[in-house]
Amino acid sequence: MYDQNVIKAVQSSEYSNLLNSDAIVIGDFNTFAKNEDGLNILAKELSPLVNCTENTNFWTTHTYYHGKENSGIDDFCFFSEKLYSRTKEKLKIEVHVDWKDEKGEKLWPSLSDHCPISIEFDF
């Protein structure tokens, strides 16, 4: 699975210098976590990266939709410890479940099975 490839890359020696500087790893991890335990397992595997959604209400809304009763979190953002320590007080994370076009038509989940996520950070 894709998440295992990300974990292997993060744990490899060739990325260690990058991960100890200013690094952001964001995207669809194909882990399909249905609860916070799934993210905690992923966060442990991706150490030394820090889950930037910790201490937020990110888990109140699912980002991935696969059928009526099958939705969960599949999209994550991790920061290097150095970068996270400089930005954590100014992070703003939004999950756009009300994504609509100019006519007011709902685009998620009809246009994509992932809803848009925006993460703002300030140095």
C-alpha atoms as a PDB file:
ATOM      1  CA  MET A   1       0.000   0.000   0.000  1.00  0.00           C
ATOM      2  CA  TYR A   2       1.014   3.585  -0.578  1.00  0.00           C
ATOM      3  CA  ASP A   3       1.223   4.465   3.122  1.00  0.00           C
ATOM      4  CA  GLN A   4       3.822   1.721   3.592  1.00  0.00           C
ATOM      5  CA  ASN A   5       5.937   3.269   0.813  1.00  0.00           C
ATOM      6  CA  VAL A   6       5.772   6.659   2.536  1.00  0.00           C
ATOM      7  CA  ILE A   7       6.770   5.064   5.843  1.00  0.00           C
ATOM      8  CA  LYS A   8       9.735   3.282   4.213  1.00  0.00           C
ATOM      9  CA  ALA A   9      10.896   6.530   2.600  1.00  0.00           C
ATOM     10  CA  VAL A  10      10.641   8.484   5.857  1.00  0.00           C
ATOM     11  CA  GLN A  11      12.550   5.777   7.722  1.00  0.00           C
ATOM     12  CA  SER A  12      15.315   5.511   5.102  1.00  0.00           C
ATOM     13  CA  SER A  13      18.725   7.082   5.693  1.00  0.00           C
ATOM     14  CA  GLU A  14      18.605   9.050   2.447  1.00  0.00           C
ATOM     15  CA  TYR A  15      15.786  11.263   3.761  1.00  0.00           C
ATOM     16  CA  SER A  16      17.084  11.780   7.315  1.00  0.00           C
ATOM     17  CA  ASN A  17      18.761  15.148   6.551  1.00  0.00           C
ATOM     18  CA  LEU A  18      15.634  16.442   4.857  1.00  0.00           C
ATOM     19  CA  LEU A  19      13.396  15.354   7.722  1.00  0.00           C
ATOM     20  CA  ASN A  20      15.624  17.097  10.265  1.00  0.00           C
ATOM     21  CA  SER A  21      15.247  20.417   8.445  1.00  0.00           C
ATOM     22  CA  ASP A  22      12.118  22.104   7.059  1.00  0.00           C
ATOM     23  CA  ALA A  23       9.994  19.343   5.560  1.00  0.00           C
ATOM     24  CA  ILE A  24       6.270  18.903   4.954  1.00  0.00           C
ATOM     25  CA  VAL A  25       4.706  15.608   3.875  1.00  0.00           C
ATOM     26  CA  ILE A  26       1.081  16.057   2.855  1.00  0.00           C
ATOM     27  CA  GLY A  27      -1.462  14.171   0.810  1.00  0.00           C
ATOM     28  CA  ASP A  28      -3.592  11.100   0.387  1.00  0.00           C
ATOM     29  CA  PHE A  29      -1.855   8.310   2.296  1.00  0.00           C
ATOM     30  CA  ASN A  30      -4.351   5.585   1.320  1.00  0.00           C
ATOM     31  CA  THR A  31      -4.535   4.434   4.929  1.00  0.00           C
ATOM     32  CA  PHE A  32      -8.281   5.022   5.299  1.00  0.00           C
ATOM     33  CA  ALA A  33      -8.270   5.567   9.045  1.00  0.00           C
ATOM     34  CA  LYS A  34     -11.764   5.457  10.489  1.00  0.00           C
ATOM     35  CA  ASN A  35     -10.711   6.792  13.877  1.00  0.00           C
ATOM     36  CA  GLU A  36      -7.874   8.521  15.664  1.00  0.00           C
ATOM     37  CA  ASP A  37      -6.135   5.216  16.392  1.00  0.00           C
ATOM     38  CA  GLY A  38      -5.354   4.859  12.678  1.00  0.00           C
ATOM     39  CA  LEU A  39      -3.666   8.247  12.641  1.00  0.00           C
ATOM     40  CA  ASN A  40      -1.740   7.513  15.846  1.00  0.00           C
ATOM     41  CA  ILE A  41      -0.309   4.352  14.288  1.00  0.00           C
ATOM     42  CA  LEU A  42       0.666   6.261  11.141  1.00  0.00           C
ATOM     43  CA  ALA A  43       2.187   9.113  13.193  1.00  0.00           C
ATOM     44  CA  LYS A  44       4.321   6.651  15.154  1.00  0.00           C
ATOM     45  CA  GLU A  45       5.558   5.047  11.932  1.00  0.00           C
ATOM     46  CA  LEU A  46       6.386   8.444  10.407  1.00  0.00           C
ATOM     47  CA  SER A  47       8.425   9.673  13.358  1.00  0.00           C
ATOM     48  CA  PRO A  48      10.394  12.011  13.474  1.00  0.00           C
ATOM     49  CA  LEU A  49       7.690  13.818  11.492  1.00  0.00           C
ATOM     50  CA  VAL A  50       4.940  15.435  13.585  1.00  0.00           C
ATOM     51  CA  ASN A  51       1.242  15.158  12.818  1.00  0.00           C
ATOM     52  CA  CYS A  52       0.204  18.798  12.428  1.00  0.00           C
ATOM     53  CA  THR A  53      -3.430  17.948  13.134  1.00  0.00           C
ATOM     54  CA  GLU A  54      -2.714  17.051  16.749  1.00  0.00           C
ATOM     55  CA  ASN A  55      -4.780  19.073  19.186  1.00  0.00           C
ATOM     56  CA  THR A  56      -7.176  20.194  16.439  1.00  0.00           C
ATOM     57  CA  ASN A  57     -10.737  19.250  15.522  1.00  0.00           C
ATOM     58  CA  PHE A  58      -9.502  17.611  12.311  1.00  0.00           C
ATOM     59  CA  TRP A  59     -11.079  14.298  13.349  1.00  0.00           C
ATOM     60  CA  THR A  60     -14.580  15.699  13.515  1.00  0.00           C
ATOM     61  CA  THR A  61     -14.913  15.525   9.717  1.00  0.00           C
ATOM     62  CA  HIS A  62     -13.993  12.761   7.304  1.00  0.00           C
ATOM     63  CA  THR A  63     -11.954  13.694   4.235  1.00  0.00           C
ATOM     64  CA  TYR A  64     -12.554  10.620   2.117  1.00  0.00           C
ATOM     65  CA  TYR A  65     -15.897   9.233   0.979  1.00  0.00           C
ATOM     66  CA  HIS A  66     -16.360   5.714  -0.355  1.00  0.00           C
ATOM     67  CA  GLY A  67     -20.042   4.884  -0.392  1.00  0.00           C
ATOM     68  CA  LYS A  68     -22.818   5.951   1.949  1.00  0.00           C
ATOM     69  CA  GLU A  69     -21.572   4.258   5.106  1.00  0.00           C
ATOM     70  CA  ASN A  70     -17.892   4.060   4.319  1.00  0.00           C
ATOM     71  CA  SER A  71     -16.010   7.280   4.935  1.00  0.00           C
ATOM     72  CA  GLY A  72     -12.896   8.090   6.892  1.00  0.00           C
ATOM     73  CA  ILE A  73      -9.681  10.067   7.027  1.00  0.00           C
ATOM     74  CA  ASP A  74      -7.204   9.442   4.226  1.00  0.00           C
ATOM     75  CA  ASP A  75      -5.505  12.815   3.870  1.00  0.00           C
ATOM     76  CA  PHE A  76      -2.823  13.899   6.300  1.00  0.00           C
ATOM     77  CA  CYS A  77      -0.154  16.522   6.892  1.00  0.00           C
ATOM     78  CA  PHE A  78       3.098  15.923   8.740  1.00  0.00           C
ATOM     79  CA  PHE A  79       5.833  18.489   9.476  1.00  0.00           C
ATOM     80  CA  SER A  80       9.459  18.027  10.466  1.00  0.00           C
ATOM     81  CA  GLU A  81       9.929  18.738  14.180  1.00  0.00           C
ATOM     82  CA  LYS A  82      12.004  21.844  13.438  1.00  0.00           C
ATOM     83  CA  LEU A  83       9.370  23.360  11.156  1.00  0.00           C
ATOM     84  CA  TYR A  84       6.468  22.367  13.403  1.00  0.00           C
ATOM     85  CA  SER A  85       8.043  24.040  16.437  1.00  0.00           C
ATOM     86  CA  ARG A  86       8.193  27.330  14.483  1.00  0.00           C
ATOM     87  CA  THR A  87       4.627  27.164  13.128  1.00  0.00           C
ATOM     88  CA  LYS A  88       2.410  25.183  15.527  1.00  0.00           C
ATOM     89  CA  GLU A  89       0.906  28.267  17.184  1.00  0.00           C
ATOM     90  CA  LYS A  90      -0.097  29.702  13.797  1.00  0.00           C
ATOM     91  CA  LEU A  91      -1.402  26.605  11.993  1.00  0.00           C
ATOM     92  CA  LYS A  92      -4.877  26.787  10.533  1.00  0.00           C
ATOM     93  CA  ILE A  93      -6.356  23.569   9.134  1.00  0.00           C
ATOM     94  CA  GLU A  94      -9.661  23.507   7.262  1.00  0.00           C
ATOM     95  CA  VAL A  95     -11.548  20.580   5.792  1.00  0.00           C
ATOM     96  CA  HIS A  96     -13.873  21.856   3.060  1.00  0.00           C
ATOM     97  CA  VAL A  97     -16.830  19.467   3.201  1.00  0.00           C
ATOM     98  CA  ASP A  98     -19.096  22.219   1.868  1.00  0.00           C
ATOM     99  CA  TRP A  99     -17.070  22.558  -1.349  1.00  0.00           C
ATOM    100  CA  LYS A 100     -19.448  24.027  -3.942  1.00  0.00           C
ATOM    101  CA  ASP A 101     -19.273  25.444  -7.443  1.00  0.00           C
ATOM    102  CA  GLU A 102     -20.341  28.960  -8.445  1.00  0.00           C
ATOM    103  CA  LYS A 103     -23.973  27.802  -8.748  1.00  0.00           C
ATOM    104  CA  GLY A 104     -23.983  26.452  -5.211  1.00  0.00           C
ATOM    105  CA  GLU A 105     -23.890  22.810  -6.326  1.00  0.00           C
ATOM    106  CA  LYS A 106     -22.054  20.565  -3.877  1.00  0.00           C
ATOM    107  CA  LEU A 107     -18.863  19.192  -5.462  1.00  0.00           C
ATOM    108  CA  TRP A 108     -17.874  16.742  -2.768  1.00  0.00           C
ATOM    109  CA  PRO A 109     -18.203  13.795  -2.920  1.00  0.00           C
ATOM    110  CA  SER A 110     -19.658  13.955  -6.435  1.00  0.00           C
ATOM    111  CA  LEU A 111     -16.599  15.463  -8.166  1.00  0.00           C
ATOM    112  CA  SER A 112     -13.947  13.715  -6.091  1.00  0.00           C
ATOM    113  CA  ASP A 113     -13.873  11.112  -3.362  1.00  0.00           C
ATOM    114  CA  HIS A 114     -11.636  13.457  -1.335  1.00  0.00           C
ATOM    115  CA  CYS A 115     -12.699  16.816  -0.018  1.00  0.00           C
ATOM    116  CA  PRO A 116     -10.223  19.704  -0.211  1.00  0.00           C
ATOM    117  CA  ILE A 117      -8.073  20.444   2.810  1.00  0.00           C
ATOM    118  CA  SER A 118      -6.211  23.694   3.317  1.00  0.00           C
ATOM    119  CA  ILE A 119      -3.379  24.185   5.761  1.00  0.00           C
ATOM    120  CA  GLU A 120      -2.098  27.670   6.443  1.00  0.00           C
ATOM    121  CA  PHE A 121       1.080  28.228   8.364  1.00  0.00           C
ATOM    122  CA  ASP A 122       3.151  31.304   9.085  1.00  0.00           C
ATOM    123  CA  PHE A 123       6.852  31.579   9.845  1.00  0.00           C
END
